[in-house]
Every structure is written in C-alpha cells, then in structure tokens.
Amino acid sequence: MFWPSDLSQKEAELSIVPKLLETQEQFITILSLDVPNLDNLFQVIDSATMSASMFLKHLMVLADVGAEKLDRWNSQFLRLFPSKTLEYLWKTQESQYLFKELPIEGKISNKKLKLTGKSLLEQNNLSNLTKDIITLILFGSSCKDEITADVLQKCEIAEYLGQPDKLENYIKQRYIWVSRITTGSQANNLGLIAQKFVEKYLKINLNIVGVKIKNNSSLPNITHTDEQTNRPTNFDIVVSRQNKYVAIEISFQVTTNSVIERKAGQAKSRFEQINSAGYKIAYILDGAGNFQRENALSTLCFYSHCCVAFSQGELNVLCDFIKNYFAN
C-alpha cells in the first residue's frame, strides 16, 4: 500500500511465491509418479519442462530447509555421513546412495544452487550437487542411523512418493504461505531492489561532474571499531566527489526483525568516526518493520546527517543534501 509503484512492480517480478504456485501442479505430478528407484526419478526431473533448480526449490520450501540449514549440514557432513553414504529404507527395502559432491568446500548458497532470481526460470538439468541435496531432502528422515535421521527429521517427503492422494494432501497442508523460506526470500529481494532503485535514482538526479556512486562500498579509514582487524565498514551505497564521501544505509522492511536494531546499535560509533573524518552518513528508512521500532528509528535519525523515507519527495531531499555538501 505504501511502496513506490516502481518498487512494487520490481518486487512482484522477482517474488518467488507466484513462480512456485505456477509450477506446483507439475511438481506434485513428478513426485506422484511411482518410479522404481532414485535414478528413474532423476530422469523424470531432467525430462520435465520445470528446471531442476525450480524442483529443488519446491523441495526445500516443502521441507522447510533453507540454504543456511544446508550449509550447516554441509559443515558437519562427515559426522552425519562418515562413509559419505546415505543408507535408507524405501518401499520396505534397504537402499544406498553414495554422495557425489557433498561435502563441498566453501558455503552452500542460493546462488550456487541457482535458486535466485532468473536462474530459477532458466532451463537447467540436475548437477551432482543438486542430486545430492534432493536425495538428502527426500530420504533424510529414513536414514538407518537414528541420530542422523533425527537431525533430518523434516526430510520425510519420500514417504509420500508415488502416492498422489497422500502426497497432495501433505503438500497442501505444509505449503508456501507459511514457509519462512519464502518470506525470507521476499525480504531479501526487496532489500536488494530498494538498493538498486536508490542507486539508479541518484545517478539520474545527482547531475554533478565527478560524482561516483558505488554499491556495497566503504569510506577511507572508516573501520569496524569493535574488531581488532580494523576491517573496512561496508555501506549500501557510497557517493563521493574528490575527497568528500556520503555513506548511505537503506532499510526497507516488510516485517519487524533484528536488522534495524543492529543498525541502531552501530549508529553512534559509525557517526562519530564518519563525522570526525569530515564525511557524512545518511539513512533511508521505510517499511512497517522500521516504523514499528520507534526507539531504533529515533537513534538512527539522531546519529545521521540526513534521514529520509522511501519516496520521490524524500529522495529529492537526500539529493539536495548531497549537492549542498559537495558544493561547500
């Protein structure tokens, strides 16, 4: 209701929920097929018009398993599967699956699994990594090792494979609207869209020679004061001209969460560092999650040189502030 129309449209284009709803029946059809073994299921997935990454996304939503949880399991993988083999029961028979890629080096992320934005809609086949994860989510709770099965207790979908009526009932009860994965994806997408929206708006409206606008950038000699490493502090957007810098933090929230509280806790030390260096810091604050946290909002406003909401009129105030700073 309160978003700028351009932002609403872009969020709708990236929202994962409509895409999941559009392909839900096809997903159910694949799992309803009575295949004799796991390899046959993989063949069905690869021959479907739905991308393999979309199928995996459906499974993750259904089991309430996000990339963060997968990454946690990956880091403890050899404790869960010392022989890198999943021994499980399916159709009253004992089966084995030898993991081909897991555990992997580094973090498991949505980007690595092609679960973000347009990647979900692009046709792609199963990789060894996606096969490993699909097997884990389908049969994890059927693992013969009781401790591992308990850790993977939500990975129980294999119990309904090849049983259309039971499967559809199970899916409809657990599906999309109540999942933390889809709401988290929505909040993350919206934050990225807002950041790009502001960056584009500044580039169009800051008509000043020599101005540089960078995403996820830092200010000279501004570091995390609570860390011994003196790691540079990154800001959503940094606008600079010659030796003048403006850091911009954007917080556009759909629901209440800890992000604004964290930013408020950092606000004082950040402001003091930035102000001492002769730079400026500005905040763009909008969304119900921000407005419902009055104390945090007041703190951010107090420890800033400019604080605006997310609208054309307010963004013009920010542009005027930056122009005045660079002109002096």
C-alpha atoms as a PDB file:
ATOM      1  CA  MET A   1       0.000   0.000   0.000  1.00  0.00           C
ATOM      2  CA  PHE A   2       2.787   2.424   0.895  1.00  0.00           C
ATOM      3  CA  TRP A   3       5.531   1.407  -1.550  1.00  0.00           C
ATOM      4  CA  PRO A   4       6.521   3.496  -4.583  1.00  0.00           C
ATOM      5  CA  SER A   5       4.854   1.935  -7.655  1.00  0.00           C
ATOM      6  CA  ASP A   6       8.167   1.170  -9.392  1.00  0.00           C
ATOM      7  CA  LEU A   7       9.405  -0.716  -6.362  1.00  0.00           C
ATOM      8  CA  SER A   8       6.161  -2.705  -6.069  1.00  0.00           C
ATOM      9  CA  GLN A   9       6.395  -3.763  -9.695  1.00  0.00           C
ATOM     10  CA  LYS A  10      10.009  -4.896  -9.441  1.00  0.00           C
ATOM     11  CA  GLU A  11       9.303  -6.848  -6.241  1.00  0.00           C
ATOM     12  CA  ALA A  12       6.398  -8.618  -7.956  1.00  0.00           C
ATOM     13  CA  GLU A  13       8.665  -9.581 -10.846  1.00  0.00           C
ATOM     14  CA  LEU A  14      11.171 -11.233  -8.503  1.00  0.00           C
ATOM     15  CA  SER A  15       8.811 -12.711  -5.916  1.00  0.00           C
ATOM     16  CA  ILE A  16       9.319 -16.449  -5.609  1.00  0.00           C
ATOM     17  CA  VAL A  17       5.787 -17.268  -4.440  1.00  0.00           C
ATOM     18  CA  PRO A  18       3.981 -16.778  -7.805  1.00  0.00           C
ATOM     19  CA  LYS A  19       6.626 -18.897  -9.556  1.00  0.00           C
ATOM     20  CA  LEU A  20       6.174 -21.691  -7.042  1.00  0.00           C
ATOM     21  CA  LEU A  21       2.414 -21.541  -7.362  1.00  0.00           C
ATOM     22  CA  GLU A  22       2.585 -21.664 -11.160  1.00  0.00           C
ATOM     23  CA  THR A  23       4.674 -24.846 -11.089  1.00  0.00           C
ATOM     24  CA  GLN A  24       3.139 -26.518  -8.057  1.00  0.00           C
ATOM     25  CA  GLU A  25       0.936 -28.947 -10.003  1.00  0.00           C
ATOM     26  CA  GLN A  26       3.859 -30.059 -12.144  1.00  0.00           C
ATOM     27  CA  PHE A  27       5.962 -30.576  -9.031  1.00  0.00           C
ATOM     28  CA  ILE A  28       3.214 -32.721  -7.492  1.00  0.00           C
ATOM     29  CA  THR A  29       2.916 -34.717 -10.729  1.00  0.00           C
ATOM     30  CA  ILE A  30       6.629 -35.573 -10.698  1.00  0.00           C
ATOM     31  CA  LEU A  31       6.531 -36.785  -7.109  1.00  0.00           C
ATOM     32  CA  SER A  32       3.308 -38.711  -7.774  1.00  0.00           C
ATOM     33  CA  LEU A  33       4.956 -40.999 -10.312  1.00  0.00           C
ATOM     34  CA  ASP A  34       5.655 -44.465  -8.943  1.00  0.00           C
ATOM     35  CA  VAL A  35       9.289 -44.786 -10.013  1.00  0.00           C
ATOM     36  CA  PRO A  36      11.237 -47.972  -9.162  1.00  0.00           C
ATOM     37  CA  ASN A  37      14.388 -46.214  -7.969  1.00  0.00           C
ATOM     38  CA  LEU A  38      16.099 -42.883  -7.439  1.00  0.00           C
ATOM     39  CA  ASP A  39      17.847 -42.863 -10.823  1.00  0.00           C
ATOM     40  CA  ASN A  40      14.474 -43.092 -12.534  1.00  0.00           C
ATOM     41  CA  LEU A  41      13.253 -40.112 -10.517  1.00  0.00           C
ATOM     42  CA  PHE A  42      16.286 -38.112 -11.636  1.00  0.00           C
ATOM     43  CA  GLN A  43      15.480 -38.985 -15.262  1.00  0.00           C
ATOM     44  CA  VAL A  44      11.915 -37.731 -14.804  1.00  0.00           C
ATOM     45  CA  ILE A  45      13.141 -34.449 -13.301  1.00  0.00           C
ATOM     46  CA  ASP A  46      15.600 -33.892 -16.151  1.00  0.00           C
ATOM     47  CA  SER A  47      12.945 -34.585 -18.785  1.00  0.00           C
ATOM     48  CA  ALA A  48      10.405 -32.180 -17.221  1.00  0.00           C
ATOM     49  CA  THR A  49       9.847 -28.652 -18.539  1.00  0.00           C
ATOM     50  CA  MET A  50      10.423 -27.349 -14.994  1.00  0.00           C
ATOM     51  CA  SER A  51      14.066 -26.533 -14.332  1.00  0.00           C
ATOM     52  CA  ALA A  52      15.974 -28.745 -11.931  1.00  0.00           C
ATOM     53  CA  SER A  53      16.651 -25.745  -9.693  1.00  0.00           C
ATOM     54  CA  MET A  54      12.902 -24.990  -9.513  1.00  0.00           C
ATOM     55  CA  PHE A  55      12.225 -28.589  -8.488  1.00  0.00           C
ATOM     56  CA  LEU A  56      14.875 -28.279  -5.782  1.00  0.00           C
ATOM     57  CA  LYS A  57      13.346 -25.002  -4.583  1.00  0.00           C
ATOM     58  CA  HIS A  58       9.955 -26.701  -4.213  1.00  0.00           C
ATOM     59  CA  LEU A  59      11.536 -29.461  -2.143  1.00  0.00           C
ATOM     60  CA  MET A  60      13.359 -27.001   0.096  1.00  0.00           C
ATOM     61  CA  VAL A  61      10.192 -24.999   0.739  1.00  0.00           C
ATOM     62  CA  LEU A  62       8.180 -28.137   1.411  1.00  0.00           C
ATOM     63  CA  ALA A  63      10.711 -29.476   3.910  1.00  0.00           C
ATOM     64  CA  ASP A  64      11.408 -26.003   5.364  1.00  0.00           C
ATOM     65  CA  VAL A  65      15.095 -26.427   4.543  1.00  0.00           C
ATOM     66  CA  GLY A  66      16.893 -23.247   3.504  1.00  0.00           C
ATOM     67  CA  ALA A  67      20.403 -22.675   2.192  1.00  0.00           C
ATOM     68  CA  GLU A  68      21.562 -21.754   5.707  1.00  0.00           C
ATOM     69  CA  LYS A  69      20.481 -25.137   7.063  1.00  0.00           C
ATOM     70  CA  LEU A  70      22.028 -26.951   4.103  1.00  0.00           C
ATOM     71  CA  ASP A  71      25.280 -25.104   4.742  1.00  0.00           C
ATOM     72  CA  ARG A  72      25.165 -26.175   8.391  1.00  0.00           C
ATOM     73  CA  TRP A  73      24.674 -29.802   7.382  1.00  0.00           C
ATOM     74  CA  ASN A  74      27.489 -29.474   4.838  1.00  0.00           C
ATOM     75  CA  SER A  75      29.900 -28.260   7.527  1.00  0.00           C
ATOM     76  CA  GLN A  76      29.015 -31.284   9.719  1.00  0.00           C
ATOM     77  CA  PHE A  77      28.570 -33.692   6.835  1.00  0.00           C
ATOM     78  CA  LEU A  78      31.161 -36.299   7.795  1.00  0.00           C
ATOM     79  CA  ARG A  79      29.655 -36.510  11.274  1.00  0.00           C
ATOM     80  CA  LEU A  80      26.238 -37.186   9.736  1.00  0.00           C
ATOM     81  CA  PHE A  81      27.562 -39.490   6.998  1.00  0.00           C
ATOM     82  CA  PRO A  82      31.037 -40.813   7.927  1.00  0.00           C
ATOM     83  CA  SER A  83      31.161 -43.060   4.853  1.00  0.00           C
ATOM     84  CA  LYS A  84      29.666 -40.341   2.583  1.00  0.00           C
ATOM     85  CA  THR A  85      26.799 -42.758   2.015  1.00  0.00           C
ATOM     86  CA  LEU A  86      23.118 -42.445   2.902  1.00  0.00           C
ATOM     87  CA  GLU A  87      21.664 -45.804   3.903  1.00  0.00           C
ATOM     88  CA  TYR A  88      17.900 -45.537   3.927  1.00  0.00           C
ATOM     89  CA  LEU A  89      14.674 -47.511   3.784  1.00  0.00           C
ATOM     90  CA  TRP A  90      12.340 -47.065   0.822  1.00  0.00           C
ATOM     91  CA  LYS A  91       9.442 -49.279  -0.184  1.00  0.00           C
ATOM     92  CA  THR A  92      10.370 -51.649   2.649  1.00  0.00           C
ATOM     93  CA  GLN A  93      13.794 -52.190   1.093  1.00  0.00           C
ATOM     94  CA  GLU A  94      17.225 -51.022   2.159  1.00  0.00           C
ATOM     95  CA  SER A  95      18.927 -48.721  -0.333  1.00  0.00           C
ATOM     96  CA  GLN A  96      22.157 -46.784  -0.519  1.00  0.00           C
ATOM     97  CA  TYR A  97      23.140 -43.515  -2.104  1.00  0.00           C
ATOM     98  CA  LEU A  98      26.796 -42.505  -2.425  1.00  0.00           C
ATOM     99  CA  PHE A  99      27.070 -38.717  -2.298  1.00  0.00           C
ATOM    100  CA  LYS A 100      28.839 -37.368  -5.367  1.00  0.00           C
ATOM    101  CA  GLU A 101      29.672 -33.787  -4.344  1.00  0.00           C
ATOM    102  CA  LEU A 102      28.807 -33.302  -0.677  1.00  0.00           C
ATOM    103  CA  PRO A 103      30.510 -32.116   1.372  1.00  0.00           C
ATOM    104  CA  ILE A 104      31.692 -29.193  -0.741  1.00  0.00           C
ATOM    105  CA  GLU A 105      34.341 -26.619   0.087  1.00  0.00           C
ATOM    106  CA  GLY A 106      33.030 -23.189   0.986  1.00  0.00           C
ATOM    107  CA  LYS A 107      29.451 -22.219   1.704  1.00  0.00           C
ATOM    108  CA  ILE A 108      26.286 -23.590   0.160  1.00  0.00           C
ATOM    109  CA  SER A 109      24.311 -20.607  -1.080  1.00  0.00           C
ATOM    110  CA  ASN A 110      21.152 -19.981  -3.087  1.00  0.00           C
ATOM    111  CA  LYS A 111      23.319 -18.502  -5.835  1.00  0.00           C
ATOM    112  CA  LYS A 112      25.472 -21.626  -6.005  1.00  0.00           C
ATOM    113  CA  LEU A 113      22.335 -23.755  -6.272  1.00  0.00           C
ATOM    114  CA  LYS A 114      20.804 -21.437  -8.930  1.00  0.00           C
ATOM    115  CA  LEU A 115      17.869 -20.629  -6.667  1.00  0.00           C
ATOM    116  CA  THR A 116      17.888 -16.853  -7.090  1.00  0.00           C
ATOM    117  CA  GLY A 117      16.014 -14.557  -9.479  1.00  0.00           C
ATOM    118  CA  LYS A 118      16.060 -15.503 -13.141  1.00  0.00           C
ATOM    119  CA  SER A 119      18.151 -18.642 -12.554  1.00  0.00           C
ATOM    120  CA  LEU A 120      15.036 -20.399 -11.310  1.00  0.00           C
ATOM    121  CA  LEU A 121      13.288 -19.864 -14.635  1.00  0.00           C
ATOM    122  CA  GLU A 122      16.226 -20.794 -16.849  1.00  0.00           C
ATOM    123  CA  GLN A 123      16.190 -24.392 -18.034  1.00  0.00           C
ATOM    124  CA  ASN A 124      18.881 -26.437 -16.325  1.00  0.00           C
ATOM    125  CA  ASN A 125      19.453 -30.106 -15.638  1.00  0.00           C
ATOM    126  CA  LEU A 126      20.460 -31.845 -12.435  1.00  0.00           C
ATOM    127  CA  SER A 127      24.054 -31.482 -11.327  1.00  0.00           C
ATOM    128  CA  ASN A 128      25.726 -33.914  -8.961  1.00  0.00           C
ATOM    129  CA  LEU A 129      25.324 -31.356  -6.180  1.00  0.00           C
ATOM    130  CA  THR A 130      21.576 -30.919  -6.747  1.00  0.00           C
ATOM    131  CA  LYS A 131      21.175 -34.716  -6.913  1.00  0.00           C
ATOM    132  CA  ASP A 132      22.907 -34.990  -3.529  1.00  0.00           C
ATOM    133  CA  ILE A 133      20.683 -32.346  -1.962  1.00  0.00           C
ATOM    134  CA  ILE A 134      17.463 -33.729  -3.466  1.00  0.00           C
ATOM    135  CA  THR A 135      18.327 -37.165  -2.092  1.00  0.00           C
ATOM    136  CA  LEU A 136      19.110 -35.651   1.308  1.00  0.00           C
ATOM    137  CA  ILE A 137      15.778 -33.808   1.473  1.00  0.00           C
ATOM    138  CA  LEU A 138      13.730 -36.746   0.177  1.00  0.00           C
ATOM    139  CA  PHE A 139      15.214 -39.543   2.279  1.00  0.00           C
ATOM    140  CA  GLY A 140      16.997 -37.874   5.211  1.00  0.00           C
ATOM    141  CA  SER A 141      14.482 -38.937   7.865  1.00  0.00           C
ATOM    142  CA  SER A 142      14.574 -42.519   6.508  1.00  0.00           C
ATOM    143  CA  CYS A 143      18.288 -42.824   7.293  1.00  0.00           C
ATOM    144  CA  LYS A 144      19.146 -46.027   9.154  1.00  0.00           C
ATOM    145  CA  ASP A 145      21.329 -44.048  11.565  1.00  0.00           C
ATOM    146  CA  GLU A 146      18.886 -42.804  14.196  1.00  0.00           C
ATOM    147  CA  ILE A 147      20.908 -39.727  15.184  1.00  0.00           C
ATOM    148  CA  THR A 148      21.234 -38.562  11.576  1.00  0.00           C
ATOM    149  CA  ALA A 149      17.569 -39.318  10.933  1.00  0.00           C
ATOM    150  CA  ASP A 150      16.621 -37.184  13.925  1.00  0.00           C
ATOM    151  CA  VAL A 151      18.690 -34.241  12.639  1.00  0.00           C
ATOM    152  CA  LEU A 152      16.998 -34.605   9.229  1.00  0.00           C
ATOM    153  CA  GLN A 153      13.534 -35.348  10.587  1.00  0.00           C
ATOM    154  CA  LYS A 154      11.774 -32.840   8.296  1.00  0.00           C
ATOM    155  CA  CYS A 155      13.254 -34.559   5.244  1.00  0.00           C
ATOM    156  CA  GLU A 156      10.404 -37.042   5.044  1.00  0.00           C
ATOM    157  CA  ILE A 157       8.858 -36.460   1.624  1.00  0.00           C
ATOM    158  CA  ALA A 158       9.934 -39.882   0.284  1.00  0.00           C
ATOM    159  CA  GLU A 159       7.227 -41.437   2.454  1.00  0.00           C
ATOM    160  CA  TYR A 160       4.662 -39.987   0.018  1.00  0.00           C
ATOM    161  CA  LEU A 161       6.398 -40.642  -3.316  1.00  0.00           C
ATOM    162  CA  GLY A 162       4.177 -42.400  -5.819  1.00  0.00           C
ATOM    163  CA  GLN A 163       1.049 -41.873  -3.701  1.00  0.00           C
ATOM    164  CA  PRO A 164      -0.823 -38.968  -5.357  1.00  0.00           C
ATOM    165  CA  ASP A 165      -3.643 -38.558  -2.843  1.00  0.00           C
ATOM    166  CA  LYS A 166      -1.446 -38.665   0.261  1.00  0.00           C
ATOM    167  CA  LEU A 167       1.186 -36.531  -1.406  1.00  0.00           C
ATOM    168  CA  GLU A 168      -1.191 -33.771  -2.461  1.00  0.00           C
ATOM    169  CA  ASN A 169      -2.776 -33.638   0.981  1.00  0.00           C
ATOM    170  CA  TYR A 170       0.650 -33.465   2.632  1.00  0.00           C
ATOM    171  CA  ILE A 171       1.849 -30.714   0.299  1.00  0.00           C
ATOM    172  CA  LYS A 172      -1.278 -28.581   0.552  1.00  0.00           C
ATOM    173  CA  GLN A 173      -1.035 -28.655   4.354  1.00  0.00           C
ATOM    174  CA  ARG A 174       2.599 -27.618   4.503  1.00  0.00           C
ATOM    175  CA  TYR A 175       2.991 -25.383   1.504  1.00  0.00           C
ATOM    176  CA  ILE A 176       4.092 -21.968   0.517  1.00  0.00           C
ATOM    177  CA  TRP A 177       2.308 -19.290   2.522  1.00  0.00           C
ATOM    178  CA  VAL A 178       3.573 -20.310   5.937  1.00  0.00           C
ATOM    179  CA  SER A 179       7.172 -21.012   4.945  1.00  0.00           C
ATOM    180  CA  ARG A 180       9.976 -18.924   6.439  1.00  0.00           C
ATOM    181  CA  ILE A 181      11.991 -19.592   3.288  1.00  0.00           C
ATOM    182  CA  THR A 182       9.636 -17.679   1.012  1.00  0.00           C
ATOM    183  CA  THR A 183       9.193 -14.776   3.423  1.00  0.00           C
ATOM    184  CA  GLY A 184      12.950 -14.552   3.885  1.00  0.00           C
ATOM    185  CA  SER A 185      13.425 -14.582   0.125  1.00  0.00           C
ATOM    186  CA  GLN A 186      10.842 -11.808  -0.234  1.00  0.00           C
ATOM    187  CA  ALA A 187      12.547  -9.607   2.360  1.00  0.00           C
ATOM    188  CA  ASN A 188      15.982 -10.178   0.839  1.00  0.00           C
ATOM    189  CA  ASN A 189      14.770  -9.483  -2.707  1.00  0.00           C
ATOM    190  CA  LEU A 190      13.040  -6.304  -1.586  1.00  0.00           C
ATOM    191  CA  GLY A 191      16.175  -5.038   0.145  1.00  0.00           C
ATOM    192  CA  LEU A 192      18.274  -5.577  -2.987  1.00  0.00           C
ATOM    193  CA  ILE A 193      15.634  -3.945  -5.195  1.00  0.00           C
ATOM    194  CA  ALA A 194      15.460  -0.917  -2.909  1.00  0.00           C
ATOM    195  CA  GLN A 195      19.242  -0.554  -3.010  1.00  0.00           C
ATOM    196  CA  LYS A 196      19.350  -0.691  -6.818  1.00  0.00           C
ATOM    197  CA  PHE A 197      16.369   1.664  -7.026  1.00  0.00           C
ATOM    198  CA  VAL A 198      18.148   4.307  -4.922  1.00  0.00           C
ATOM    199  CA  GLU A 199      21.411   3.857  -6.825  1.00  0.00           C
ATOM    200  CA  LYS A 200      19.635   4.459 -10.148  1.00  0.00           C
ATOM    201  CA  TYR A 201      17.687   7.427  -8.722  1.00  0.00           C
ATOM    202  CA  LEU A 202      20.888   9.092  -7.507  1.00  0.00           C
ATOM    203  CA  LYS A 203      22.642   8.570 -10.830  1.00  0.00           C
ATOM    204  CA  ILE A 204      19.764  10.261 -12.647  1.00  0.00           C
ATOM    205  CA  ASN A 205      19.224  13.138 -10.216  1.00  0.00           C
ATOM    206  CA  LEU A 206      22.734  13.969  -8.990  1.00  0.00           C
ATOM    207  CA  ASN A 207      23.806  15.907 -12.024  1.00  0.00           C
ATOM    208  CA  ILE A 208      27.250  16.849 -10.730  1.00  0.00           C
ATOM    209  CA  VAL A 209      30.543  16.489 -12.592  1.00  0.00           C
ATOM    210  CA  GLY A 210      32.931  13.988 -10.997  1.00  0.00           C
ATOM    211  CA  VAL A 211      30.402  12.225  -8.762  1.00  0.00           C
ATOM    212  CA  LYS A 212      30.956   8.498  -8.204  1.00  0.00           C
ATOM    213  CA  ILE A 213      28.210   6.185  -6.921  1.00  0.00           C
ATOM    214  CA  LYS A 214      29.145   2.679  -5.757  1.00  0.00           C
ATOM    215  CA  ASN A 215      27.164  -0.220  -4.288  1.00  0.00           C
ATOM    216  CA  ASN A 216      28.449  -2.029  -1.190  1.00  0.00           C
ATOM    217  CA  SER A 217      31.456   0.197  -0.823  1.00  0.00           C
ATOM    218  CA  SER A 218      33.483   1.699   2.028  1.00  0.00           C
ATOM    219  CA  LEU A 219      34.859   5.071   3.146  1.00  0.00           C
ATOM    220  CA  PRO A 220      38.595   5.813   3.516  1.00  0.00           C
ATOM    221  CA  ASN A 221      39.826   4.915   7.029  1.00  0.00           C
ATOM    222  CA  ILE A 222      36.354   4.050   8.370  1.00  0.00           C
ATOM    223  CA  THR A 223      36.533   0.634  10.030  1.00  0.00           C
ATOM    224  CA  HIS A 224      34.665  -1.637  12.418  1.00  0.00           C
ATOM    225  CA  THR A 225      35.634  -0.158  15.766  1.00  0.00           C
ATOM    226  CA  ASP A 226      34.650  -3.309  17.672  1.00  0.00           C
ATOM    227  CA  GLU A 227      37.055  -5.538  15.764  1.00  0.00           C
ATOM    228  CA  GLN A 228      40.802  -5.822  16.166  1.00  0.00           C
ATOM    229  CA  THR A 229      41.221  -6.444  12.443  1.00  0.00           C
ATOM    230  CA  ASN A 230      40.146  -2.894  11.563  1.00  0.00           C
ATOM    231  CA  ARG A 231      38.152  -4.298   8.654  1.00  0.00           C
ATOM    232  CA  PRO A 232      36.661  -1.554   6.422  1.00  0.00           C
ATOM    233  CA  THR A 233      32.969  -0.889   7.062  1.00  0.00           C
ATOM    234  CA  ASN A 234      30.796  -1.502   4.024  1.00  0.00           C
ATOM    235  CA  PHE A 235      27.758   0.657   3.306  1.00  0.00           C
ATOM    236  CA  ASP A 236      24.860   0.011   0.943  1.00  0.00           C
ATOM    237  CA  ILE A 237      25.792   2.959  -1.263  1.00  0.00           C
ATOM    238  CA  VAL A 238      28.709   5.384  -1.178  1.00  0.00           C
ATOM    239  CA  VAL A 239      28.538   8.679  -3.100  1.00  0.00           C
ATOM    240  CA  SER A 240      31.821  10.535  -3.496  1.00  0.00           C
ATOM    241  CA  ARG A 241      33.362  13.523  -5.204  1.00  0.00           C
ATOM    242  CA  GLN A 242      37.065  14.277  -4.811  1.00  0.00           C
ATOM    243  CA  ASN A 243      37.751  13.867  -1.056  1.00  0.00           C
ATOM    244  CA  LYS A 244      34.124  14.100   0.086  1.00  0.00           C
ATOM    245  CA  TYR A 245      32.091  10.982   0.862  1.00  0.00           C
ATOM    246  CA  VAL A 246      28.470  10.233   1.774  1.00  0.00           C
ATOM    247  CA  ALA A 247      27.625   6.780   3.112  1.00  0.00           C
ATOM    248  CA  ILE A 248      24.006   5.709   2.619  1.00  0.00           C
ATOM    249  CA  GLU A 249      22.322   2.885   4.506  1.00  0.00           C
ATOM    250  CA  ILE A 250      18.947   1.619   3.254  1.00  0.00           C
ATOM    251  CA  SER A 251      16.481  -0.261   5.438  1.00  0.00           C
ATOM    252  CA  PHE A 252      13.205  -1.181   3.743  1.00  0.00           C
ATOM    253  CA  GLN A 253      11.398  -3.850   5.737  1.00  0.00           C
ATOM    254  CA  VAL A 254       8.160  -5.730   5.282  1.00  0.00           C
ATOM    255  CA  THR A 255       8.041  -7.099   8.813  1.00  0.00           C
ATOM    256  CA  THR A 256       9.788  -6.457  12.090  1.00  0.00           C
ATOM    257  CA  ASN A 257      13.166  -8.138  12.507  1.00  0.00           C
ATOM    258  CA  SER A 258      16.562  -7.555  14.065  1.00  0.00           C
ATOM    259  CA  VAL A 259      18.145  -5.642  11.174  1.00  0.00           C
ATOM    260  CA  ILE A 260      17.134  -2.163  12.293  1.00  0.00           C
ATOM    261  CA  GLU A 261      18.068  -2.949  15.908  1.00  0.00           C
ATOM    262  CA  ARG A 262      21.539  -3.988  14.766  1.00  0.00           C
ATOM    263  CA  LYS A 263      21.953  -0.852  12.677  1.00  0.00           C
ATOM    264  CA  ALA A 264      20.799   1.311  15.567  1.00  0.00           C
ATOM    265  CA  GLY A 265      23.383  -0.335  17.823  1.00  0.00           C
ATOM    266  CA  GLN A 266      26.136   0.556  15.352  1.00  0.00           C
ATOM    267  CA  ALA A 267      24.857   4.056  14.610  1.00  0.00           C
ATOM    268  CA  LYS A 268      26.682   6.055  17.314  1.00  0.00           C
ATOM    269  CA  SER A 269      30.198   4.701  16.690  1.00  0.00           C
ATOM    270  CA  ARG A 270      29.732   4.936  12.934  1.00  0.00           C
ATOM    271  CA  PHE A 271      28.527   8.521  13.141  1.00  0.00           C
ATOM    272  CA  GLU A 272      31.426   9.574  15.373  1.00  0.00           C
ATOM    273  CA  GLN A 273      34.028   8.060  13.033  1.00  0.00           C
ATOM    274  CA  ILE A 274      32.432   9.461   9.894  1.00  0.00           C
ATOM    275  CA  ASN A 275      31.811  12.898  11.352  1.00  0.00           C
ATOM    276  CA  SER A 276      35.391  13.159  12.634  1.00  0.00           C
ATOM    277  CA  ALA A 277      36.702  12.357   9.157  1.00  0.00           C
ATOM    278  CA  GLY A 278      34.582  15.118   7.641  1.00  0.00           C
ATOM    279  CA  TYR A 279      32.323  12.698   5.785  1.00  0.00           C
ATOM    280  CA  LYS A 280      28.525  12.293   6.001  1.00  0.00           C
ATOM    281  CA  ILE A 281      26.155   9.410   6.678  1.00  0.00           C
ATOM    282  CA  ALA A 282      22.523   9.251   5.585  1.00  0.00           C
ATOM    283  CA  TYR A 283      19.750   6.722   6.195  1.00  0.00           C
ATOM    284  CA  ILE A 284      16.776   5.814   4.027  1.00  0.00           C
ATOM    285  CA  LEU A 285      14.210   4.221   6.331  1.00  0.00           C
ATOM    286  CA  ASP A 286      10.847   2.826   5.340  1.00  0.00           C
ATOM    287  CA  GLY A 287       8.591  -0.191   5.816  1.00  0.00           C
ATOM    288  CA  ALA A 288       6.428  -1.353   8.699  1.00  0.00           C
ATOM    289  CA  GLY A 289       9.295  -3.232  10.305  1.00  0.00           C
ATOM    290  CA  ASN A 290      11.142   0.048  10.771  1.00  0.00           C
ATOM    291  CA  PHE A 291       8.259   2.281  11.785  1.00  0.00           C
ATOM    292  CA  GLN A 292       7.158  -0.159  14.495  1.00  0.00           C
ATOM    293  CA  ARG A 293      10.559   0.180  16.185  1.00  0.00           C
ATOM    294  CA  GLU A 294      10.379   3.782  17.310  1.00  0.00           C
ATOM    295  CA  ASN A 295      13.420   3.753  19.606  1.00  0.00           C
ATOM    296  CA  ALA A 296      15.721   2.285  16.965  1.00  0.00           C
ATOM    297  CA  LEU A 297      14.358   4.670  14.350  1.00  0.00           C
ATOM    298  CA  SER A 298      14.961   7.671  16.617  1.00  0.00           C
ATOM    299  CA  THR A 299      18.537   6.532  17.281  1.00  0.00           C
ATOM    300  CA  LEU A 300      19.319   6.277  13.586  1.00  0.00           C
ATOM    301  CA  CYS A 301      17.825   9.700  12.915  1.00  0.00           C
ATOM    302  CA  PHE A 302      19.799  11.245  15.767  1.00  0.00           C
ATOM    303  CA  TYR A 303      23.114   9.755  14.640  1.00  0.00           C
ATOM    304  CA  SER A 304      22.867  10.775  10.998  1.00  0.00           C
ATOM    305  CA  HIS A 305      23.427  13.869   8.883  1.00  0.00           C
ATOM    306  CA  CYS A 306      20.350  13.191   6.775  1.00  0.00           C
ATOM    307  CA  CYS A 307      17.454  10.782   7.307  1.00  0.00           C
ATOM    308  CA  VAL A 308      14.654  10.309   4.769  1.00  0.00           C
ATOM    309  CA  ALA A 309      11.842   7.903   3.887  1.00  0.00           C
ATOM    310  CA  PHE A 310      11.430   5.958   0.667  1.00  0.00           C
ATOM    311  CA  SER A 311       9.518   8.259  -1.711  1.00  0.00           C
ATOM    312  CA  GLN A 312      10.385  10.546  -4.588  1.00  0.00           C
ATOM    313  CA  GLY A 313       9.971  13.676  -2.481  1.00  0.00           C
ATOM    314  CA  GLU A 314      12.167  12.323   0.308  1.00  0.00           C
ATOM    315  CA  LEU A 315      14.835  11.066  -2.094  1.00  0.00           C
ATOM    316  CA  ASN A 316      14.937  14.560  -3.568  1.00  0.00           C
ATOM    317  CA  VAL A 317      15.717  15.845  -0.059  1.00  0.00           C
ATOM    318  CA  LEU A 318      18.646  13.416   0.047  1.00  0.00           C
ATOM    319  CA  CYS A 319      19.858  14.595  -3.376  1.00  0.00           C
ATOM    320  CA  ASP A 320      19.716  18.231  -2.248  1.00  0.00           C
ATOM    321  CA  PHE A 321      21.649  17.358   0.912  1.00  0.00           C
ATOM    322  CA  ILE A 322      24.405  15.661  -1.114  1.00  0.00           C
ATOM    323  CA  LYS A 323      24.586  18.553  -3.597  1.00  0.00           C
ATOM    324  CA  ASN A 324      24.944  21.098  -0.769  1.00  0.00           C
ATOM    325  CA  TYR A 325      27.655  19.040   0.915  1.00  0.00           C
ATOM    326  CA  PHE A 326      29.668  18.707  -2.293  1.00  0.00           C
ATOM    327  CA  ALA A 327      29.230  22.415  -3.110  1.00  0.00           C
ATOM    328  CA  ASN A 328      30.689  23.652   0.212  1.00  0.00           C
END
